[in-house]
């Protein structure tokens, strides 16, 4: 996998978000969280989002998650509710934790706008149930498309 330099910052930020969240339950939740971190909290993700069934969706983000799973930096678990309904969850592996501690120091997370702003934003978004998170992301996307 060849990764451009600007994509590295997205991958580092994504790993940091998953670490701070602890456990992300659902692909939809992960997509909306990253979108809102970018749009509402101005965290400098470069993933491109487009309108989709459950609000903003990024193929770039989905690919990044798949690559991080393949590299063993995050773990993807599946919970089968029935044969047609699967919930995915994501968390950092020990390898992912080691990677972050080696390459993404606490000093760099304290620099604005990443440090305190990111931690505060993640806490606020974690407090929202997934349906509220989806509704918020849809609303933000709708209002930003009216402005553009």
N, C-alpha and C. Protein backbone atom coordinates (compact mmCIF):
# COMPACT_ATOMS: atom_id res chain seq x y z
N UNK A 1 0.85 -1.18 0.00
CA UNK A 1 0.00 0.00 0.00
C UNK A 1 0.89 1.23 0.00
N UNK A 2 0.72 2.10 -0.96
CA UNK A 2 1.43 3.37 -1.03
C UNK A 2 0.51 4.43 -0.46
N UNK A 3 1.03 5.19 0.50
CA UNK A 3 0.23 6.20 1.18
C UNK A 3 0.90 7.55 0.99
N UNK A 4 0.14 8.53 0.50
CA UNK A 4 0.65 9.89 0.36
C UNK A 4 0.83 10.52 1.73
N UNK A 5 1.72 11.49 1.81
CA UNK A 5 2.03 12.14 3.09
C UNK A 5 0.77 12.72 3.74
N UNK A 6 -0.09 13.38 2.95
CA UNK A 6 -1.29 13.98 3.54
C UNK A 6 -2.25 12.92 4.08
N UNK A 7 -2.20 11.70 3.52
CA UNK A 7 -3.04 10.62 4.03
C UNK A 7 -2.55 10.12 5.37
N UNK A 8 -1.24 10.23 5.62
CA UNK A 8 -0.70 9.78 6.90
C UNK A 8 -1.32 10.53 8.06
N UNK A 9 -1.52 11.84 7.92
CA UNK A 9 -2.12 12.60 9.02
C UNK A 9 -3.54 12.12 9.27
N UNK A 10 -4.28 11.77 8.21
CA UNK A 10 -5.63 11.22 8.40
C UNK A 10 -5.57 9.89 9.15
N UNK A 11 -4.62 9.04 8.80
CA UNK A 11 -4.50 7.74 9.46
C UNK A 11 -4.11 7.90 10.92
N UNK A 12 -3.16 8.80 11.20
CA UNK A 12 -2.78 9.06 12.59
C UNK A 12 -3.97 9.59 13.39
N UNK A 13 -4.68 10.56 12.81
CA UNK A 13 -5.85 11.12 13.50
C UNK A 13 -6.92 10.06 13.72
N UNK A 14 -7.16 9.22 12.72
CA UNK A 14 -8.15 8.16 12.84
C UNK A 14 -7.78 7.19 13.96
N UNK A 15 -6.53 6.80 14.01
CA UNK A 15 -6.07 5.92 15.09
C UNK A 15 -6.25 6.60 16.45
N UNK A 16 -5.93 7.88 16.51
CA UNK A 16 -6.08 8.62 17.76
C UNK A 16 -7.55 8.68 18.19
N UNK A 17 -8.45 8.92 17.24
CA UNK A 17 -9.88 8.97 17.55
C UNK A 17 -10.36 7.62 18.09
N UNK A 18 -9.95 6.55 17.45
CA UNK A 18 -10.36 5.22 17.90
C UNK A 18 -9.79 4.93 19.28
N UNK A 19 -8.55 5.35 19.52
CA UNK A 19 -7.96 5.16 20.85
C UNK A 19 -8.74 5.95 21.90
N UNK A 20 -9.04 7.20 21.61
CA UNK A 20 -9.76 8.06 22.56
C UNK A 20 -11.18 7.55 22.81
N UNK A 21 -11.81 7.01 21.79
CA UNK A 21 -13.18 6.52 21.92
C UNK A 21 -13.20 5.21 22.70
N UNK A 22 -12.17 4.42 22.55
CA UNK A 22 -12.10 3.14 23.23
C UNK A 22 -12.66 2.03 22.36
N UNK A 23 -13.93 2.12 22.04
CA UNK A 23 -14.59 1.14 21.19
C UNK A 23 -15.63 1.88 20.36
N UNK A 24 -15.54 1.74 19.06
CA UNK A 24 -16.53 2.36 18.17
C UNK A 24 -17.47 1.26 17.71
N UNK A 25 -18.74 1.38 18.09
CA UNK A 25 -19.74 0.38 17.71
C UNK A 25 -20.48 0.83 16.47
N UNK A 26 -20.10 0.26 15.33
CA UNK A 26 -20.81 0.51 14.09
C UNK A 26 -20.03 1.33 13.09
N UNK A 27 -20.11 0.89 11.84
CA UNK A 27 -19.48 1.64 10.75
C UNK A 27 -20.15 3.00 10.56
N UNK A 28 -21.47 3.01 10.70
CA UNK A 28 -22.21 4.26 10.56
C UNK A 28 -21.74 5.26 11.60
N UNK A 29 -21.60 4.80 12.83
CA UNK A 29 -21.16 5.68 13.92
C UNK A 29 -19.76 6.23 13.63
N UNK A 30 -18.88 5.39 13.15
CA UNK A 30 -17.52 5.83 12.85
C UNK A 30 -17.53 6.89 11.74
N UNK A 31 -18.29 6.63 10.68
CA UNK A 31 -18.39 7.57 9.56
C UNK A 31 -18.90 8.93 10.03
N UNK A 32 -19.98 8.94 10.81
CA UNK A 32 -20.58 10.20 11.25
C UNK A 32 -19.68 10.92 12.24
N UNK A 33 -19.02 10.17 13.10
CA UNK A 33 -18.10 10.78 14.06
C UNK A 33 -16.98 11.52 13.35
N UNK A 34 -16.35 10.87 12.38
CA UNK A 34 -15.25 11.51 11.66
C UNK A 34 -15.75 12.72 10.88
N UNK A 35 -16.93 12.58 10.25
CA UNK A 35 -17.50 13.71 9.51
C UNK A 35 -17.73 14.91 10.44
N UNK A 36 -18.35 14.66 11.59
CA UNK A 36 -18.64 15.77 12.52
C UNK A 36 -17.36 16.34 13.12
N UNK A 37 -16.37 15.50 13.37
CA UNK A 37 -15.10 16.02 13.87
C UNK A 37 -14.50 16.99 12.85
N UNK A 38 -14.64 16.67 11.58
CA UNK A 38 -14.10 17.55 10.54
C UNK A 38 -14.93 18.81 10.39
N UNK A 39 -16.24 18.65 10.27
CA UNK A 39 -17.10 19.78 9.92
C UNK A 39 -17.46 20.67 11.11
N UNK A 40 -17.75 20.08 12.24
CA UNK A 40 -18.22 20.86 13.38
C UNK A 40 -17.07 21.29 14.30
N UNK A 41 -16.06 20.42 14.44
CA UNK A 41 -14.98 20.70 15.38
C UNK A 41 -13.67 21.08 14.68
N UNK A 42 -13.68 21.11 13.36
CA UNK A 42 -12.54 21.57 12.56
C UNK A 42 -11.27 20.75 12.78
N UNK A 43 -11.44 19.45 13.01
CA UNK A 43 -10.29 18.55 13.06
C UNK A 43 -9.90 18.30 11.60
N UNK A 44 -8.62 18.44 11.27
CA UNK A 44 -8.23 18.50 9.85
C UNK A 44 -8.17 17.16 9.11
N UNK A 45 -9.28 16.42 9.14
CA UNK A 45 -9.38 15.23 8.30
C UNK A 45 -9.54 15.66 6.85
N UNK A 46 -8.96 14.91 5.92
CA UNK A 46 -9.07 15.22 4.49
C UNK A 46 -9.98 14.25 3.75
N UNK A 47 -10.64 13.36 4.46
CA UNK A 47 -11.54 12.41 3.81
C UNK A 47 -12.65 13.17 3.07
N UNK A 48 -12.97 12.70 1.88
CA UNK A 48 -14.05 13.30 1.08
C UNK A 48 -15.35 12.57 1.41
N UNK A 49 -16.39 13.32 1.76
CA UNK A 49 -17.70 12.75 2.11
C UNK A 49 -18.72 13.12 1.05
N UNK A 50 -19.67 12.24 0.85
CA UNK A 50 -20.79 12.49 -0.06
C UNK A 50 -22.08 12.07 0.64
N UNK A 51 -23.21 12.62 0.23
CA UNK A 51 -24.48 12.20 0.82
C UNK A 51 -24.74 10.72 0.53
N UNK A 52 -25.30 10.04 1.51
CA UNK A 52 -25.58 8.61 1.37
C UNK A 52 -26.83 8.29 2.17
N UNK A 53 -27.22 7.03 2.24
CA UNK A 53 -28.47 6.64 2.90
C UNK A 53 -28.58 7.17 4.33
N UNK A 54 -27.55 6.98 5.11
CA UNK A 54 -27.58 7.40 6.51
C UNK A 54 -26.75 8.65 6.74
N UNK A 55 -26.72 9.54 5.78
CA UNK A 55 -25.97 10.78 5.92
C UNK A 55 -24.62 10.69 5.25
N UNK A 56 -23.68 11.55 5.65
CA UNK A 56 -22.37 11.63 5.01
C UNK A 56 -21.63 10.29 5.05
N UNK A 57 -21.02 9.96 3.91
CA UNK A 57 -20.26 8.71 3.80
C UNK A 57 -18.98 8.98 3.02
N UNK A 58 -17.89 8.37 3.45
CA UNK A 58 -16.60 8.53 2.80
C UNK A 58 -16.03 7.16 2.43
N UNK A 59 -15.86 6.95 1.13
CA UNK A 59 -15.19 5.73 0.67
C UNK A 59 -13.73 5.74 1.12
N UNK A 60 -13.11 6.93 1.13
CA UNK A 60 -11.72 7.06 1.58
C UNK A 60 -11.57 6.58 3.02
N UNK A 61 -12.52 6.98 3.86
CA UNK A 61 -12.49 6.56 5.27
C UNK A 61 -12.69 5.05 5.38
N UNK A 62 -13.64 4.50 4.64
CA UNK A 62 -13.86 3.05 4.66
C UNK A 62 -12.60 2.31 4.24
N UNK A 63 -11.93 2.80 3.20
CA UNK A 63 -10.67 2.19 2.75
C UNK A 63 -9.58 2.30 3.81
N UNK A 64 -9.50 3.45 4.46
CA UNK A 64 -8.49 3.65 5.50
C UNK A 64 -8.71 2.66 6.65
N UNK A 65 -9.96 2.48 7.05
CA UNK A 65 -10.26 1.54 8.13
C UNK A 65 -9.87 0.13 7.70
N UNK A 66 -10.23 -0.25 6.49
CA UNK A 66 -9.88 -1.57 5.97
C UNK A 66 -8.37 -1.79 5.98
N UNK A 67 -7.63 -0.77 5.57
CA UNK A 67 -6.17 -0.87 5.56
C UNK A 67 -5.59 -0.97 6.97
N UNK A 68 -6.13 -0.22 7.91
CA UNK A 68 -5.64 -0.27 9.29
C UNK A 68 -5.95 -1.63 9.92
N UNK A 69 -7.08 -2.22 9.55
CA UNK A 69 -7.39 -3.58 10.02
C UNK A 69 -6.38 -4.56 9.43
N UNK A 70 -6.13 -4.45 8.12
CA UNK A 70 -5.19 -5.35 7.45
C UNK A 70 -3.77 -5.24 8.03
N UNK A 71 -3.40 -4.04 8.48
CA UNK A 71 -2.09 -3.83 9.08
C UNK A 71 -2.03 -4.27 10.54
N UNK A 72 -3.17 -4.64 11.09
CA UNK A 72 -3.21 -5.08 12.48
C UNK A 72 -3.18 -3.96 13.49
N UNK A 73 -3.46 -2.73 13.06
CA UNK A 73 -3.44 -1.59 13.98
C UNK A 73 -4.78 -1.38 14.67
N UNK A 74 -5.86 -1.76 14.00
CA UNK A 74 -7.17 -1.77 14.65
C UNK A 74 -7.80 -3.14 14.44
N UNK A 75 -8.68 -3.47 15.35
CA UNK A 75 -9.38 -4.75 15.31
C UNK A 75 -10.83 -4.51 14.93
N UNK A 76 -11.32 -5.31 14.01
CA UNK A 76 -12.72 -5.23 13.60
C UNK A 76 -13.42 -6.48 14.10
N UNK A 77 -14.47 -6.29 14.88
CA UNK A 77 -15.28 -7.42 15.35
C UNK A 77 -16.66 -7.30 14.75
N UNK A 78 -17.29 -8.45 14.54
CA UNK A 78 -18.64 -8.49 13.98
C UNK A 78 -19.58 -9.14 14.97
N UNK A 79 -20.72 -8.50 15.13
CA UNK A 79 -21.79 -9.05 15.96
C UNK A 79 -22.98 -9.29 15.04
N UNK A 80 -23.39 -10.55 14.94
CA UNK A 80 -24.50 -10.91 14.04
C UNK A 80 -25.81 -10.89 14.82
N UNK A 81 -26.70 -9.99 14.42
CA UNK A 81 -28.03 -9.94 15.03
C UNK A 81 -28.95 -10.96 14.37
N UNK A 82 -28.82 -11.13 13.07
CA UNK A 82 -29.42 -12.21 12.30
C UNK A 82 -28.63 -12.28 11.01
N UNK A 83 -29.03 -13.11 10.07
CA UNK A 83 -28.19 -13.30 8.89
C UNK A 83 -28.02 -12.05 8.02
N UNK A 84 -28.93 -11.09 8.15
CA UNK A 84 -28.85 -9.88 7.33
C UNK A 84 -28.36 -8.65 8.09
N UNK A 85 -28.21 -8.75 9.39
CA UNK A 85 -27.84 -7.58 10.19
C UNK A 85 -26.55 -7.87 10.97
N UNK A 86 -25.53 -7.09 10.63
CA UNK A 86 -24.23 -7.22 11.29
C UNK A 86 -23.83 -5.86 11.82
N UNK A 87 -23.37 -5.83 13.07
CA UNK A 87 -22.79 -4.60 13.61
C UNK A 87 -21.29 -4.82 13.75
N UNK A 88 -20.54 -3.89 13.21
CA UNK A 88 -19.08 -3.93 13.30
C UNK A 88 -18.64 -3.03 14.44
N UNK A 89 -17.58 -3.45 15.12
CA UNK A 89 -17.00 -2.58 16.13
C UNK A 89 -15.49 -2.53 15.90
N UNK A 90 -14.92 -1.40 16.32
CA UNK A 90 -13.51 -1.16 16.09
C UNK A 90 -12.83 -0.69 17.36
N UNK A 91 -11.63 -1.22 17.57
CA UNK A 91 -10.80 -0.75 18.68
C UNK A 91 -9.34 -0.92 18.28
N UNK A 92 -8.49 -0.17 18.94
CA UNK A 92 -7.06 -0.26 18.68
C UNK A 92 -6.52 -1.58 19.22
N UNK A 93 -5.60 -2.17 18.49
CA UNK A 93 -4.91 -3.35 18.97
C UNK A 93 -3.70 -2.90 19.79
N UNK A 94 -3.03 -3.84 20.42
CA UNK A 94 -1.80 -3.50 21.13
C UNK A 94 -0.78 -2.94 20.14
N UNK A 95 -0.74 -3.52 18.96
CA UNK A 95 0.16 -3.03 17.92
C UNK A 95 -0.19 -1.59 17.53
N UNK A 96 -1.48 -1.28 17.45
CA UNK A 96 -1.92 0.07 17.16
C UNK A 96 -1.54 1.04 18.26
N UNK A 97 -1.70 0.61 19.51
CA UNK A 97 -1.30 1.45 20.66
C UNK A 97 0.20 1.73 20.61
N UNK A 98 0.98 0.68 20.36
CA UNK A 98 2.43 0.84 20.28
C UNK A 98 2.81 1.78 19.13
N UNK A 99 2.14 1.62 18.00
CA UNK A 99 2.40 2.47 16.84
C UNK A 99 2.13 3.93 17.17
N UNK A 100 1.00 4.19 17.82
CA UNK A 100 0.68 5.58 18.19
C UNK A 100 1.67 6.13 19.20
N UNK A 101 2.02 5.34 20.19
CA UNK A 101 2.93 5.85 21.22
C UNK A 101 4.32 6.11 20.64
N UNK A 102 4.69 5.38 19.61
CA UNK A 102 5.99 5.58 18.97
C UNK A 102 5.98 6.76 18.00
N UNK A 103 4.86 6.94 17.29
CA UNK A 103 4.83 7.90 16.18
C UNK A 103 3.95 9.12 16.39
N UNK A 104 3.14 9.12 17.42
CA UNK A 104 2.18 10.22 17.62
C UNK A 104 2.25 10.60 19.08
N UNK A 105 3.23 11.43 19.42
CA UNK A 105 3.51 11.74 20.82
C UNK A 105 2.42 12.60 21.43
N UNK A 106 2.35 12.58 22.74
CA UNK A 106 1.39 13.43 23.43
C UNK A 106 1.67 14.90 23.16
N UNK A 107 2.90 15.25 22.93
CA UNK A 107 3.24 16.64 22.59
C UNK A 107 2.50 17.08 21.33
N UNK A 108 2.48 16.22 20.31
CA UNK A 108 1.83 16.61 19.06
C UNK A 108 0.32 16.65 19.21
N UNK A 109 -0.25 15.90 20.15
CA UNK A 109 -1.70 15.94 20.33
C UNK A 109 -2.14 17.18 21.10
N UNK A 110 -1.20 17.86 21.73
CA UNK A 110 -1.55 19.06 22.50
C UNK A 110 -1.56 20.32 21.64
N UNK A 111 -1.00 20.26 20.46
CA UNK A 111 -0.95 21.43 19.60
C UNK A 111 -2.34 21.73 19.05
N UNK A 112 -2.79 22.98 19.14
CA UNK A 112 -4.08 23.32 18.55
C UNK A 112 -4.07 23.06 17.05
N UNK A 113 -5.20 22.64 16.48
CA UNK A 113 -6.49 22.43 17.10
C UNK A 113 -6.72 20.99 17.53
N UNK A 114 -5.67 20.17 17.57
CA UNK A 114 -5.87 18.74 17.77
C UNK A 114 -6.15 18.37 19.23
N UNK A 115 -5.26 18.67 20.12
CA UNK A 115 -5.28 18.17 21.49
C UNK A 115 -6.57 18.25 22.25
N UNK A 116 -6.75 19.32 23.00
CA UNK A 116 -7.92 19.46 23.86
C UNK A 116 -9.20 19.50 23.05
N UNK A 117 -9.17 20.14 21.90
CA UNK A 117 -10.35 20.23 21.06
C UNK A 117 -10.81 18.85 20.62
N UNK A 118 -9.89 17.98 20.23
CA UNK A 118 -10.24 16.64 19.80
C UNK A 118 -10.81 15.82 20.95
N UNK A 119 -10.17 15.86 22.09
CA UNK A 119 -10.67 15.10 23.25
C UNK A 119 -12.06 15.57 23.67
N UNK A 120 -12.27 16.88 23.69
CA UNK A 120 -13.59 17.43 24.05
C UNK A 120 -14.64 17.01 23.03
N UNK A 121 -14.29 17.10 21.76
CA UNK A 121 -15.22 16.74 20.68
C UNK A 121 -15.61 15.28 20.76
N UNK A 122 -14.64 14.42 21.00
CA UNK A 122 -14.93 12.98 21.10
C UNK A 122 -15.85 12.71 22.28
N UNK A 123 -15.60 13.35 23.41
CA UNK A 123 -16.50 13.17 24.57
C UNK A 123 -17.92 13.59 24.23
N UNK A 124 -18.07 14.74 23.58
CA UNK A 124 -19.41 15.22 23.21
C UNK A 124 -20.10 14.28 22.24
N UNK A 125 -19.38 13.79 21.24
CA UNK A 125 -19.98 12.90 20.26
C UNK A 125 -20.29 11.53 20.86
N UNK A 126 -19.45 11.05 21.79
CA UNK A 126 -19.71 9.77 22.45
C UNK A 126 -20.99 9.82 23.29
N UNK A 127 -21.37 11.01 23.74
CA UNK A 127 -22.59 11.15 24.54
C UNK A 127 -23.86 11.01 23.71
N UNK A 128 -23.73 11.14 22.38
CA UNK A 128 -24.90 11.04 21.50
C UNK A 128 -25.17 9.58 21.14
N UNK A 129 -26.43 9.19 21.18
CA UNK A 129 -26.81 7.88 20.66
C UNK A 129 -26.64 7.91 19.15
N UNK A 130 -26.43 6.77 18.54
CA UNK A 130 -26.16 6.71 17.10
C UNK A 130 -27.25 7.40 16.26
N UNK A 131 -28.55 7.20 16.53
CA UNK A 131 -29.56 7.90 15.72
C UNK A 131 -29.42 9.43 15.80
N UNK A 132 -29.08 9.96 16.96
CA UNK A 132 -28.88 11.40 17.11
C UNK A 132 -27.62 11.84 16.38
N UNK A 133 -26.59 11.01 16.41
CA UNK A 133 -25.35 11.31 15.69
C UNK A 133 -25.61 11.37 14.18
N UNK A 134 -26.38 10.41 13.67
CA UNK A 134 -26.74 10.37 12.25
C UNK A 134 -27.54 11.62 11.88
N UNK A 135 -28.53 11.96 12.70
CA UNK A 135 -29.37 13.14 12.43
C UNK A 135 -28.54 14.41 12.43
N UNK A 136 -27.61 14.52 13.36
CA UNK A 136 -26.75 15.70 13.44
C UNK A 136 -25.87 15.79 12.20
N UNK A 137 -25.28 14.68 11.80
CA UNK A 137 -24.41 14.68 10.61
C UNK A 137 -25.20 15.05 9.36
N UNK A 138 -26.42 14.50 9.23
CA UNK A 138 -27.26 14.85 8.07
C UNK A 138 -27.58 16.33 8.06
N UNK A 139 -27.89 16.87 9.23
CA UNK A 139 -28.23 18.29 9.35
C UNK A 139 -27.04 19.18 8.99
N UNK A 140 -25.87 18.82 9.48
CA UNK A 140 -24.66 19.59 9.18
C UNK A 140 -24.36 19.53 7.69
N UNK A 141 -24.49 18.35 7.09
CA UNK A 141 -24.23 18.21 5.66
C UNK A 141 -25.24 19.02 4.84
N UNK A 142 -26.51 18.97 5.23
CA UNK A 142 -27.54 19.72 4.51
C UNK A 142 -27.29 21.23 4.61
N UNK A 143 -26.93 21.71 5.79
CA UNK A 143 -26.70 23.14 5.94
C UNK A 143 -25.43 23.58 5.23
N UNK A 144 -24.41 22.72 5.18
CA UNK A 144 -23.18 23.11 4.48
C UNK A 144 -23.38 23.09 2.97
N UNK A 145 -24.28 22.23 2.46
CA UNK A 145 -24.53 22.22 1.01
C UNK A 145 -25.38 23.42 0.60
N UNK A 146 -26.16 23.96 1.53
CA UNK A 146 -26.92 25.17 1.24
C UNK A 146 -26.01 26.39 1.13
N UNK A 147 -24.94 26.38 1.91
CA UNK A 147 -23.99 27.49 1.94
C UNK A 147 -23.11 27.46 0.70
N UNK A 148 -22.70 26.26 0.27
CA UNK A 148 -21.77 26.14 -0.86
C UNK A 148 -22.41 26.42 -2.16
